[in-house]
Amino acid sequence: MYVPPHFATADPEAPAAFMRRHSFATLITHDGEAPFATHVPVLLHADGGPHGTLVAHIAKANPQWLHFAVHPGSWCMESNAGEFEA
């Protein structure tokens, strides 16, 4: 993935530290007709793969979980934390 120089960091721990400090994000999916967003708590499991694994939870009553069954792999997550501190 291309990273613009002003967002790049030489410290491989910086993104993980940022995610631990700001563990709330917006999960965005698309149901085939319109985008759908939910604010979710997010935990970083640093030992879950070469770059770690993000784990989040949405309630079963939230219909957004169905988007993963219908359109697997079509999602994105946005941090609401503001400016990145490298």
N, C-alpha and C. Protein backbone atom coordinates (compact mmCIF):
# COMPACT_ATOMS: atom_id res chain seq x y z
N MET A 1 0.84 -1.17 0.00
CA MET A 1 0.00 0.00 0.00
C MET A 1 0.88 1.23 0.00
N TYR A 2 0.53 2.21 -0.81
CA TYR A 2 1.28 3.46 -0.85
C TYR A 2 1.00 4.26 0.41
N VAL A 3 2.04 4.73 1.06
CA VAL A 3 1.93 5.59 2.25
C VAL A 3 2.60 6.91 1.92
N PRO A 4 1.84 8.01 1.88
CA PRO A 4 2.46 9.31 1.62
C PRO A 4 3.53 9.60 2.68
N PRO A 5 4.61 10.26 2.29
CA PRO A 5 5.71 10.50 3.23
C PRO A 5 5.30 11.17 4.54
N HIS A 6 4.32 12.09 4.49
CA HIS A 6 3.91 12.79 5.71
C HIS A 6 3.11 11.88 6.67
N PHE A 7 2.72 10.68 6.23
CA PHE A 7 2.05 9.71 7.11
C PHE A 7 2.97 8.55 7.49
N ALA A 8 4.14 8.47 6.86
CA ALA A 8 5.06 7.36 7.11
C ALA A 8 5.73 7.49 8.47
N THR A 9 6.08 6.36 9.06
CA THR A 9 6.83 6.35 10.31
C THR A 9 7.91 5.28 10.22
N ALA A 10 9.06 5.59 10.80
CA ALA A 10 10.15 4.61 10.83
C ALA A 10 10.01 3.68 12.03
N ASP A 11 9.13 4.02 12.96
CA ASP A 11 8.93 3.23 14.17
C ASP A 11 7.83 2.20 13.93
N PRO A 12 8.16 0.91 13.82
CA PRO A 12 7.12 -0.10 13.55
C PRO A 12 6.12 -0.25 14.69
N GLU A 13 6.43 0.23 15.88
CA GLU A 13 5.52 0.14 17.03
C GLU A 13 4.52 1.29 17.06
N ALA A 14 4.79 2.38 16.33
CA ALA A 14 3.93 3.57 16.39
C ALA A 14 2.47 3.29 16.01
N PRO A 15 2.18 2.59 14.90
CA PRO A 15 0.77 2.33 14.59
C PRO A 15 0.06 1.49 15.66
N ALA A 16 0.75 0.49 16.22
CA ALA A 16 0.14 -0.34 17.27
C ALA A 16 -0.12 0.49 18.52
N ALA A 17 0.83 1.34 18.89
CA ALA A 17 0.64 2.20 20.07
C ALA A 17 -0.53 3.15 19.86
N PHE A 18 -0.65 3.69 18.66
CA PHE A 18 -1.77 4.57 18.33
C PHE A 18 -3.10 3.84 18.48
N MET A 19 -3.17 2.60 17.95
CA MET A 19 -4.42 1.83 18.03
C MET A 19 -4.77 1.45 19.47
N ARG A 20 -3.76 1.22 20.29
CA ARG A 20 -4.04 0.92 21.71
C ARG A 20 -4.57 2.15 22.43
N ARG A 21 -4.07 3.33 22.09
CA ARG A 21 -4.53 4.57 22.73
C ARG A 21 -5.92 4.98 22.25
N HIS A 22 -6.25 4.66 21.00
CA HIS A 22 -7.51 5.09 20.40
C HIS A 22 -8.26 3.86 19.92
N SER A 23 -8.90 3.18 20.85
CA SER A 23 -9.50 1.87 20.55
C SER A 23 -11.00 1.97 20.20
N PHE A 24 -11.35 2.99 19.45
CA PHE A 24 -12.73 3.16 19.01
C PHE A 24 -12.69 3.55 17.55
N ALA A 25 -13.54 2.96 16.73
CA ALA A 25 -13.50 3.23 15.30
C ALA A 25 -14.90 3.18 14.70
N THR A 26 -15.00 3.54 13.44
CA THR A 26 -16.24 3.43 12.69
C THR A 26 -16.08 2.29 11.68
N LEU A 27 -16.93 1.29 11.79
CA LEU A 27 -16.94 0.17 10.86
C LEU A 27 -17.91 0.53 9.74
N ILE A 28 -17.42 0.53 8.51
CA ILE A 28 -18.24 0.94 7.37
C ILE A 28 -18.37 -0.23 6.40
N THR A 29 -19.59 -0.58 6.06
CA THR A 29 -19.86 -1.63 5.09
C THR A 29 -20.89 -1.11 4.07
N HIS A 30 -21.19 -1.93 3.10
CA HIS A 30 -22.18 -1.58 2.08
C HIS A 30 -23.08 -2.79 1.89
N ASP A 31 -24.36 -2.58 1.92
CA ASP A 31 -25.29 -3.71 1.79
C ASP A 31 -25.74 -3.97 0.36
N GLY A 32 -25.10 -3.32 -0.61
CA GLY A 32 -25.50 -3.47 -2.00
C GLY A 32 -26.37 -2.31 -2.46
N GLU A 33 -26.91 -1.55 -1.50
CA GLU A 33 -27.75 -0.40 -1.84
C GLU A 33 -27.22 0.90 -1.25
N ALA A 34 -26.68 0.83 -0.03
CA ALA A 34 -26.23 2.05 0.64
C ALA A 34 -25.15 1.71 1.66
N PRO A 35 -24.30 2.69 1.99
CA PRO A 35 -23.30 2.45 3.03
C PRO A 35 -23.96 2.40 4.40
N PHE A 36 -23.30 1.74 5.33
CA PHE A 36 -23.82 1.55 6.68
C PHE A 36 -22.64 1.70 7.63
N ALA A 37 -22.78 2.50 8.68
CA ALA A 37 -21.67 2.74 9.61
C ALA A 37 -22.10 2.50 11.05
N THR A 38 -21.20 1.91 11.83
CA THR A 38 -21.43 1.66 13.25
C THR A 38 -20.16 2.00 14.01
N HIS A 39 -20.30 2.70 15.13
CA HIS A 39 -19.17 2.97 16.01
C HIS A 39 -18.92 1.71 16.83
N VAL A 40 -17.67 1.24 16.84
CA VAL A 40 -17.34 -0.01 17.52
C VAL A 40 -16.07 0.13 18.36
N PRO A 41 -16.03 -0.60 19.49
CA PRO A 41 -14.77 -0.71 20.22
C PRO A 41 -13.86 -1.67 19.46
N VAL A 42 -12.56 -1.39 19.45
CA VAL A 42 -11.60 -2.20 18.70
C VAL A 42 -10.41 -2.51 19.59
N LEU A 43 -10.02 -3.77 19.61
CA LEU A 43 -8.82 -4.18 20.35
C LEU A 43 -7.79 -4.70 19.36
N LEU A 44 -6.53 -4.37 19.62
CA LEU A 44 -5.44 -4.87 18.79
C LEU A 44 -4.80 -6.05 19.51
N HIS A 45 -4.79 -7.20 18.86
CA HIS A 45 -4.06 -8.37 19.34
C HIS A 45 -2.75 -8.39 18.56
N ALA A 46 -1.70 -7.84 19.16
CA ALA A 46 -0.43 -7.65 18.46
C ALA A 46 0.20 -8.96 18.00
N ASP A 47 -0.09 -10.07 18.68
CA ASP A 47 0.53 -11.35 18.32
C ASP A 47 -0.30 -12.13 17.30
N GLY A 48 -1.34 -11.54 16.76
CA GLY A 48 -2.21 -12.22 15.79
C GLY A 48 -1.79 -11.98 14.37
N GLY A 49 -0.66 -12.51 13.97
CA GLY A 49 -0.19 -12.33 12.60
C GLY A 49 0.95 -11.35 12.53
N PRO A 50 1.53 -11.18 11.36
CA PRO A 50 2.72 -10.33 11.23
C PRO A 50 2.46 -8.86 11.56
N HIS A 51 1.23 -8.39 11.38
CA HIS A 51 0.90 -6.99 11.68
C HIS A 51 -0.13 -6.88 12.79
N GLY A 52 -0.43 -8.00 13.44
CA GLY A 52 -1.46 -8.00 14.47
C GLY A 52 -2.84 -8.26 13.88
N THR A 53 -3.82 -8.33 14.75
CA THR A 53 -5.20 -8.55 14.32
C THR A 53 -6.10 -7.59 15.08
N LEU A 54 -6.99 -6.91 14.36
CA LEU A 54 -7.98 -6.06 15.01
C LEU A 54 -9.22 -6.87 15.30
N VAL A 55 -9.73 -6.75 16.50
CA VAL A 55 -10.93 -7.47 16.91
C VAL A 55 -11.96 -6.43 17.35
N ALA A 56 -13.16 -6.55 16.81
CA ALA A 56 -14.24 -5.62 17.15
C ALA A 56 -15.51 -6.41 17.43
N HIS A 57 -16.52 -5.73 17.93
CA HIS A 57 -17.78 -6.39 18.25
C HIS A 57 -18.93 -5.48 17.88
N ILE A 58 -19.94 -6.05 17.23
CA ILE A 58 -21.21 -5.35 17.05
C ILE A 58 -22.31 -6.28 17.56
N ALA A 59 -23.39 -5.69 18.04
CA ALA A 59 -24.49 -6.47 18.59
C ALA A 59 -25.20 -7.26 17.50
N LYS A 60 -25.70 -8.43 17.87
CA LYS A 60 -26.43 -9.25 16.90
C LYS A 60 -27.70 -8.53 16.42
N ALA A 61 -28.24 -7.65 17.25
CA ALA A 61 -29.43 -6.89 16.85
C ALA A 61 -29.11 -5.85 15.78
N ASN A 62 -27.82 -5.55 15.58
CA ASN A 62 -27.39 -4.61 14.56
C ASN A 62 -27.35 -5.35 13.22
N PRO A 63 -28.16 -4.95 12.23
CA PRO A 63 -28.20 -5.67 10.96
C PRO A 63 -26.91 -5.62 10.15
N GLN A 64 -25.97 -4.80 10.56
CA GLN A 64 -24.72 -4.69 9.80
C GLN A 64 -23.95 -6.00 9.76
N TRP A 65 -24.10 -6.86 10.76
CA TRP A 65 -23.35 -8.13 10.75
C TRP A 65 -23.72 -8.97 9.53
N LEU A 66 -24.93 -8.81 9.02
CA LEU A 66 -25.36 -9.56 7.84
C LEU A 66 -24.58 -9.17 6.59
N HIS A 67 -24.04 -7.95 6.56
CA HIS A 67 -23.28 -7.50 5.39
C HIS A 67 -22.06 -8.39 5.16
N PHE A 68 -21.49 -8.94 6.22
CA PHE A 68 -20.32 -9.79 6.08
C PHE A 68 -20.67 -11.12 5.41
N ALA A 69 -21.90 -11.59 5.60
CA ALA A 69 -22.33 -12.83 4.97
C ALA A 69 -22.64 -12.60 3.49
N VAL A 70 -23.25 -11.46 3.18
CA VAL A 70 -23.66 -11.17 1.81
C VAL A 70 -22.51 -10.64 0.96
N HIS A 71 -21.66 -9.81 1.56
CA HIS A 71 -20.55 -9.18 0.83
C HIS A 71 -19.25 -9.35 1.62
N PRO A 72 -18.75 -10.57 1.76
CA PRO A 72 -17.54 -10.77 2.55
C PRO A 72 -16.35 -9.99 1.98
N GLY A 73 -15.59 -9.41 2.87
CA GLY A 73 -14.40 -8.68 2.45
C GLY A 73 -14.65 -7.25 2.04
N SER A 74 -15.90 -6.79 2.02
CA SER A 74 -16.18 -5.42 1.61
C SER A 74 -16.49 -4.56 2.82
N TRP A 75 -15.46 -4.14 3.49
CA TRP A 75 -15.62 -3.28 4.66
C TRP A 75 -14.38 -2.41 4.82
N CYS A 76 -14.50 -1.38 5.62
CA CYS A 76 -13.34 -0.58 5.99
C CYS A 76 -13.56 -0.08 7.40
N MET A 77 -12.50 0.33 8.03
CA MET A 77 -12.58 0.82 9.39
C MET A 77 -11.86 2.15 9.45
N GLU A 78 -12.46 3.12 10.12
CA GLU A 78 -11.88 4.45 10.24
C GLU A 78 -11.71 4.77 11.70
N SER A 79 -10.54 5.24 12.06
CA SER A 79 -10.30 5.70 13.42
C SER A 79 -10.87 7.09 13.57
N ASN A 80 -11.54 7.35 14.68
CA ASN A 80 -12.08 8.67 14.97
C ASN A 80 -11.16 9.45 15.89
N ALA A 81 -9.92 9.06 15.97
CA ALA A 81 -9.02 9.62 16.97
C ALA A 81 -8.38 10.94 16.57
N GLY A 82 -8.49 11.33 15.34
CA GLY A 82 -7.86 12.58 14.93
C GLY A 82 -6.50 12.35 14.31
N GLU A 83 -5.60 13.27 14.56
CA GLU A 83 -4.29 13.27 13.91
C GLU A 83 -3.39 12.15 14.40
N PHE A 84 -2.70 11.52 13.48
CA PHE A 84 -1.74 10.45 13.81
C PHE A 84 -0.49 11.07 14.40
N GLU A 85 0.00 10.46 15.47
CA GLU A 85 1.20 10.94 16.14
C GLU A 85 2.34 9.97 15.86
N ALA A 86 3.22 10.31 14.94
CA ALA A 86 4.33 9.42 14.59
C ALA A 86 5.51 9.61 15.53
